[in-house]
C-alpha atoms as a PDB file:
ATOM      1  CA  UNK A   1      15.349 -15.731   5.881  1.00  0.00           C
ATOM      2  CA  UNK A   2      12.350 -14.944   7.573  1.00  0.00           C
ATOM      3  CA  UNK A   3       9.507 -17.401   8.451  1.00  0.00           C
ATOM      4  CA  UNK A   4       5.581 -15.893   8.416  1.00  0.00           C
ATOM      5  CA  UNK A   5       3.218 -18.282   9.793  1.00  0.00           C
ATOM      6  CA  UNK A   6       0.671 -16.975   7.858  1.00  0.00           C
ATOM      7  CA  UNK A   7       0.112 -13.747   5.031  1.00  0.00           C
ATOM      8  CA  UNK A   8      -1.275 -10.264   7.338  1.00  0.00           C
ATOM      9  CA  UNK A   9      -4.626  -9.621   4.548  1.00  0.00           C
ATOM     10  CA  UNK A  10      -5.444  -6.045   4.350  1.00  0.00           C
ATOM     11  CA  UNK A  11      -9.969  -4.921   5.516  1.00  0.00           C
ATOM     12  CA  UNK A  12      -9.741  -1.422   5.797  1.00  0.00           C
ATOM     13  CA  UNK A  13      -7.552   1.552   3.185  1.00  0.00           C
ATOM     14  CA  UNK A  14      -8.731   5.211   3.898  1.00  0.00           C
ATOM     15  CA  UNK A  15      -6.617   7.813   1.637  1.00  0.00           C
ATOM     16  CA  UNK A  16      -5.451  10.456   4.281  1.00  0.00           C
ATOM     17  CA  UNK A  17      -3.954  13.535   2.114  1.00  0.00           C
ATOM     18  CA  UNK A  18      -3.570  12.937  -2.034  1.00  0.00           C
ATOM     19  CA  UNK A  19      -0.632   9.823  -2.460  1.00  0.00           C
ATOM     20  CA  UNK A  20      -1.167   8.777   1.409  1.00  0.00           C
ATOM     21  CA  UNK A  21      -3.309   5.733   2.076  1.00  0.00           C
ATOM     22  CA  UNK A  22      -4.115   4.352   6.226  1.00  0.00           C
ATOM     23  CA  UNK A  23      -4.532   0.519   6.231  1.00  0.00           C
ATOM     24  CA  UNK A  24      -5.777  -1.798   8.429  1.00  0.00           C
ATOM     25  CA  UNK A  25      -5.051  -5.499   8.514  1.00  0.00           C
ATOM     26  CA  UNK A  26      -7.024  -8.181   9.953  1.00  0.00           C
ATOM     27  CA  UNK A  27      -4.086  -8.530  13.359  1.00  0.00           C
ATOM     28  CA  UNK A  28      -5.137  -4.793  13.894  1.00  0.00           C
ATOM     29  CA  UNK A  29      -1.739  -3.469  12.352  1.00  0.00           C
ATOM     30  CA  UNK A  30      -2.130   0.500  11.223  1.00  0.00           C
ATOM     31  CA  UNK A  31       0.175   0.673   7.969  1.00  0.00           C
ATOM     32  CA  UNK A  32       0.411   4.523   6.743  1.00  0.00           C
ATOM     33  CA  UNK A  33       1.741   4.697   2.594  1.00  0.00           C
ATOM     34  CA  UNK A  34       3.123   7.405   1.029  1.00  0.00           C
ATOM     35  CA  UNK A  35       3.617   6.654  -2.996  1.00  0.00           C
ATOM     36  CA  UNK A  36       5.826   9.608  -4.959  1.00  0.00           C
ATOM     37  CA  UNK A  37       4.596  10.136  -7.912  1.00  0.00           C
ATOM     38  CA  UNK A  38       7.611   9.379 -10.949  1.00  0.00           C
ATOM     39  CA  UNK A  39       9.850   7.569  -8.841  1.00  0.00           C
ATOM     40  CA  UNK A  40       9.994   4.427 -11.034  1.00  0.00           C
ATOM     41  CA  UNK A  41       8.512   3.721 -14.359  1.00  0.00           C
ATOM     42  CA  UNK A  42       6.297   0.858 -15.565  1.00  0.00           C
ATOM     43  CA  UNK A  43       2.613   1.457 -17.347  1.00  0.00           C
ATOM     44  CA  UNK A  44       0.697  -0.228 -13.779  1.00  0.00           C
ATOM     45  CA  UNK A  45       2.256   2.341 -11.560  1.00  0.00           C
ATOM     46  CA  UNK A  46       1.655   5.679 -14.305  1.00  0.00           C
ATOM     47  CA  UNK A  47      -2.555   6.146 -14.001  1.00  0.00           C
ATOM     48  CA  UNK A  48      -1.611   6.308  -9.930  1.00  0.00           C
ATOM     49  CA  UNK A  49       0.176  10.109 -11.329  1.00  0.00           C
ATOM     50  CA  UNK A  50      -3.049  10.874 -10.614  1.00  0.00           C
ATOM     51  CA  UNK A  51      -3.761  11.691  -6.962  1.00  0.00           C
ATOM     52  CA  UNK A  52      -8.261  11.501  -7.999  1.00  0.00           C
ATOM     53  CA  UNK A  53      -6.991   7.804  -9.949  1.00  0.00           C
ATOM     54  CA  UNK A  54      -4.750   6.480  -7.020  1.00  0.00           C
ATOM     55  CA  UNK A  55      -8.036   7.218  -4.334  1.00  0.00           C
ATOM     56  CA  UNK A  56      -9.711   5.038  -6.516  1.00  0.00           C
ATOM     57  CA  UNK A  57      -8.092   2.273  -4.358  1.00  0.00           C
ATOM     58  CA  UNK A  58     -10.239  -0.439  -3.081  1.00  0.00           C
ATOM     59  CA  UNK A  59      -9.347  -3.937  -0.681  1.00  0.00           C
ATOM     60  CA  UNK A  60      -9.243  -7.238  -2.831  1.00  0.00           C
ATOM     61  CA  UNK A  61     -10.561  -9.501  -0.065  1.00  0.00           C
ATOM     62  CA  UNK A  62      -9.401 -12.190  -1.805  1.00  0.00           C
ATOM     63  CA  UNK A  63      -5.922 -11.336  -2.311  1.00  0.00           C
ATOM     64  CA  UNK A  64      -6.565  -9.498   1.472  1.00  0.00           C
ATOM     65  CA  UNK A  65      -4.605  -6.123  -0.339  1.00  0.00           C
ATOM     66  CA  UNK A  66      -4.889  -3.819  -1.590  1.00  0.00           C
ATOM     67  CA  UNK A  67      -5.414  -2.509  -5.263  1.00  0.00           C
ATOM     68  CA  UNK A  68      -6.311  -0.695  -8.667  1.00  0.00           C
ATOM     69  CA  UNK A  69      -8.457  -0.687 -11.215  1.00  0.00           C
ATOM     70  CA  UNK A  70      -5.957  -1.306 -13.852  1.00  0.00           C
ATOM     71  CA  UNK A  71      -5.202  -4.347 -11.455  1.00  0.00           C
ATOM     72  CA  UNK A  72      -1.608  -3.370  -9.729  1.00  0.00           C
ATOM     73  CA  UNK A  73      -2.162  -4.568  -6.824  1.00  0.00           C
ATOM     74  CA  UNK A  74       0.510  -4.708  -3.942  1.00  0.00           C
ATOM     75  CA  UNK A  75       1.576  -7.464  -1.625  1.00  0.00           C
ATOM     76  CA  UNK A  76       0.656  -7.530   1.732  1.00  0.00           C
ATOM     77  CA  UNK A  77       4.029  -8.657   3.305  1.00  0.00           C
ATOM     78  CA  UNK A  78       5.500  -5.923   2.625  1.00  0.00           C
ATOM     79  CA  UNK A  79       2.667  -3.664   3.434  1.00  0.00           C
ATOM     80  CA  UNK A  80       3.105  -5.423   6.708  1.00  0.00           C
ATOM     81  CA  UNK A  81       6.248  -4.846   7.052  1.00  0.00           C
ATOM     82  CA  UNK A  82       7.283  -7.929   7.641  1.00  0.00           C
ATOM     83  CA  UNK A  83       9.608  -7.504   4.612  1.00  0.00           C
ATOM     84  CA  UNK A  84      11.416  -5.054   2.674  1.00  0.00           C
ATOM     85  CA  UNK A  85      10.378  -4.392  -1.302  1.00  0.00           C
ATOM     86  CA  UNK A  86      12.731  -5.538  -3.361  1.00  0.00           C
ATOM     87  CA  UNK A  87      11.922  -2.881  -5.907  1.00  0.00           C
ATOM     88  CA  UNK A  88       9.587  -0.610  -4.143  1.00  0.00           C
ATOM     89  CA  UNK A  89       8.535   1.532  -7.100  1.00  0.00           C
ATOM     90  CA  UNK A  90       7.656   4.152  -4.818  1.00  0.00           C
ATOM     91  CA  UNK A  91       5.891   2.817  -1.688  1.00  0.00           C
ATOM     92  CA  UNK A  92       6.783   4.107   1.506  1.00  0.00           C
ATOM     93  CA  UNK A  93       6.296   3.766   5.360  1.00  0.00           C
ATOM     94  CA  UNK A  94       5.513   6.984   7.036  1.00  0.00           C
ATOM     95  CA  UNK A  95       3.334   5.000   9.164  1.00  0.00           C
ATOM     96  CA  UNK A  96       5.195   7.520  12.686  1.00  0.00           C
ATOM     97  CA  UNK A  97       5.814  10.704  10.453  1.00  0.00           C
ATOM     98  CA  UNK A  98       1.877  10.947   9.245  1.00  0.00           C
ATOM     99  CA  UNK A  99       0.588   9.721  13.034  1.00  0.00           C
ATOM    100  CA  UNK A 100       2.593  13.072  14.951  1.00  0.00           C
ATOM    101  CA  UNK A 101       1.098  15.333  12.347  1.00  0.00           C
END
């Protein structure tokens, strides 16, 4: 099992294009995350199929991660790249491809 000394916190989020957000962490790490609508089901995921709703993502300073108006939040350890999601629910790290486009 991987040992984590501290949980990274998301400090900033920006929408690069529909369904792609860039995250800035408190340790300087930057990740670009793509959401693929329809790749997973769930009532909290359903509104994300609308790119305008997806763009309403905000940083939750208490949780140290991103959150949408319906309360959906994502694990900062997965977003940071420290762990693979057991169920990625449609979110994928595209950092290397987004930086070259």
